Amino acid sequence: MTLPDGSKEPIHDHDWLVTTVVGSEELDEMGVVMDFHVLKGMVEQITTEFEDALLGELPHFRRNNASAENVARHVYVRLRGQLPHGVALRSVSVVEEPGCSAQFAE
C-alpha cells in the first residue's frame, strides 16, 4: 500500500475476513434472501486471487491502492453483478486484522 508520504508499506500478510450483507424485498420459497452457501462460493471465487498474493501485484491493485477500503470496494463491485435477480448487495466489510476493518456500500 502507498502511504500518504508516497512511501510503500512493508510487505506483510493478512488473514482477510470478508463479510457481505445482502437484502431483498421478497424471500424465496425457502424463506431466505438467498442461499448463503451460494453467496459464500461467490465471495470465495472473488477472493481466491488474494491468497498468497502481493495485492500490489494484482492488476486491480496496480491502479488502486491496496487498502482494506479498496479491497472491500473491489469485492463489492465484482459481487454485485453476480447476485440473483431481486437480491441487492448492501455492503461488504473487510477485516484485515482484529480491530482493523473497512466497509464499502453504495
Protein backbone atom coordinates (compact mmCIF):
# COMPACT_ATOMS: atom_id res chain seq x y z
CA MET A 1 0.00 0.00 0.00
CA THR A 2 1.19 3.51 -0.76
CA LEU A 3 1.29 5.75 2.30
CA PRO A 4 0.38 9.47 2.29
CA ASP A 5 4.05 10.48 2.04
CA GLY A 6 4.44 8.35 -1.12
CA SER A 7 6.43 5.59 0.57
CA LYS A 8 5.41 1.96 0.37
CA GLU A 9 4.18 -0.02 3.36
CA PRO A 10 6.44 -3.01 4.14
CA ILE A 11 5.20 -6.32 2.73
CA HIS A 12 3.06 -8.16 5.28
CA ASP A 13 0.40 -10.86 5.47
CA HIS A 14 -3.27 -10.61 6.35
CA ASP A 15 -5.89 -13.21 7.14
CA TRP A 16 -8.77 -11.41 5.47
CA LEU A 17 -12.29 -11.82 6.78
CA VAL A 18 -14.90 -10.68 4.28
CA THR A 19 -18.49 -10.10 5.38
CA THR A 20 -21.28 -9.37 2.95
CA VAL A 21 -24.77 -8.06 3.64
CA VAL A 22 -27.49 -8.83 1.09
CA GLY A 23 -31.14 -7.91 1.13
CA SER A 24 -34.33 -8.34 -0.82
CA GLU A 25 -37.90 -7.10 -0.75
CA GLU A 26 -39.06 -10.72 -1.06
CA LEU A 27 -37.92 -14.02 0.41
CA ASP A 28 -37.57 -17.09 -1.78
CA GLU A 29 -39.55 -20.32 -1.40
CA MET A 30 -37.25 -21.41 1.46
CA GLY A 31 -37.88 -18.12 3.29
CA VAL A 32 -34.40 -16.66 2.73
CA VAL A 33 -32.91 -13.83 0.70
CA MET A 34 -30.51 -16.31 -0.93
CA ASP A 35 -28.63 -19.49 -0.12
CA PHE A 36 -25.62 -18.48 1.98
CA HIS A 37 -23.59 -21.41 0.61
CA VAL A 38 -24.01 -19.94 -2.87
CA LEU A 39 -23.09 -16.46 -1.60
CA LYS A 40 -20.02 -17.82 0.18
CA GLY A 41 -18.91 -19.55 -3.02
CA MET A 42 -19.25 -16.30 -4.96
CA VAL A 43 -17.15 -14.43 -2.40
CA GLU A 44 -14.53 -17.20 -2.36
CA GLN A 45 -14.31 -17.12 -6.16
CA ILE A 46 -13.55 -13.38 -6.00
CA THR A 47 -11.11 -13.54 -3.08
CA THR A 48 -9.17 -16.58 -4.30
CA GLU A 49 -6.92 -14.21 -6.23
CA PHE A 50 -5.77 -12.69 -2.90
CA GLU A 51 -4.45 -15.97 -1.49
CA ASP A 52 -0.65 -15.99 -1.21
CA ALA A 53 -0.51 -12.90 -3.44
CA LEU A 54 1.04 -9.50 -3.08
CA LEU A 55 -2.01 -7.29 -3.60
CA GLY A 56 0.06 -4.56 -5.24
CA GLU A 57 0.99 -7.00 -8.00
CA LEU A 58 -2.61 -7.87 -8.90
CA PRO A 59 -3.97 -5.95 -11.90
CA HIS A 60 -6.69 -4.10 -9.97
CA PHE A 61 -4.31 -3.01 -7.22
CA ARG A 62 -1.65 -1.80 -9.61
CA ARG A 63 -4.12 1.00 -10.37
CA ASN A 64 -5.72 1.27 -6.90
CA ASN A 65 -4.04 1.45 -3.52
CA ALA A 66 -4.17 -1.94 -1.77
CA SER A 67 -6.03 -0.58 1.26
CA ALA A 68 -8.71 -2.54 3.12
CA GLU A 69 -11.18 0.05 1.81
CA ASN A 70 -10.23 -0.65 -1.79
CA VAL A 71 -10.33 -4.41 -1.16
CA ALA A 72 -13.89 -4.02 0.16
CA ARG A 73 -14.87 -1.90 -2.86
CA HIS A 74 -13.27 -4.37 -5.28
CA VAL A 75 -15.18 -7.31 -3.77
CA TYR A 76 -18.41 -5.24 -3.72
CA VAL A 77 -18.19 -4.25 -7.39
CA ARG A 78 -17.40 -7.78 -8.55
CA LEU A 79 -20.02 -9.43 -6.34
CA ARG A 80 -23.00 -7.17 -7.03
CA GLY A 81 -23.14 -8.22 -10.69
CA GLN A 82 -23.29 -11.91 -9.79
CA LEU A 83 -26.22 -11.87 -7.37
CA PRO A 84 -29.56 -13.42 -8.35
CA HIS A 85 -32.38 -11.20 -9.61
CA GLY A 86 -34.04 -9.39 -6.73
CA VAL A 87 -31.08 -9.70 -4.37
CA ALA A 88 -29.28 -6.44 -3.58
CA LEU A 89 -25.81 -6.13 -2.16
CA ARG A 90 -25.99 -3.79 0.83
CA SER A 91 -22.33 -3.77 1.93
CA VAL A 92 -19.01 -5.56 2.00
CA SER A 93 -16.78 -5.38 5.08
CA VAL A 94 -13.16 -6.46 5.19
CA VAL A 95 -11.28 -7.17 8.40
CA GLU A 96 -7.57 -7.14 7.78
CA GLU A 97 -6.76 -7.92 11.41
CA PRO A 98 -8.77 -7.81 14.65
CA GLY A 99 -9.84 -4.24 15.29
CA CYS A 100 -8.96 -3.04 11.78
CA SER A 101 -11.79 -3.18 9.27
CA ALA A 102 -13.30 -1.24 6.40
CA GLN A 103 -16.74 -1.28 4.85
CA PHE A 104 -17.92 -0.31 1.38
CA ALA A 105 -21.52 0.34 0.39
CA GLU A 106 -23.30 2.36 -2.27
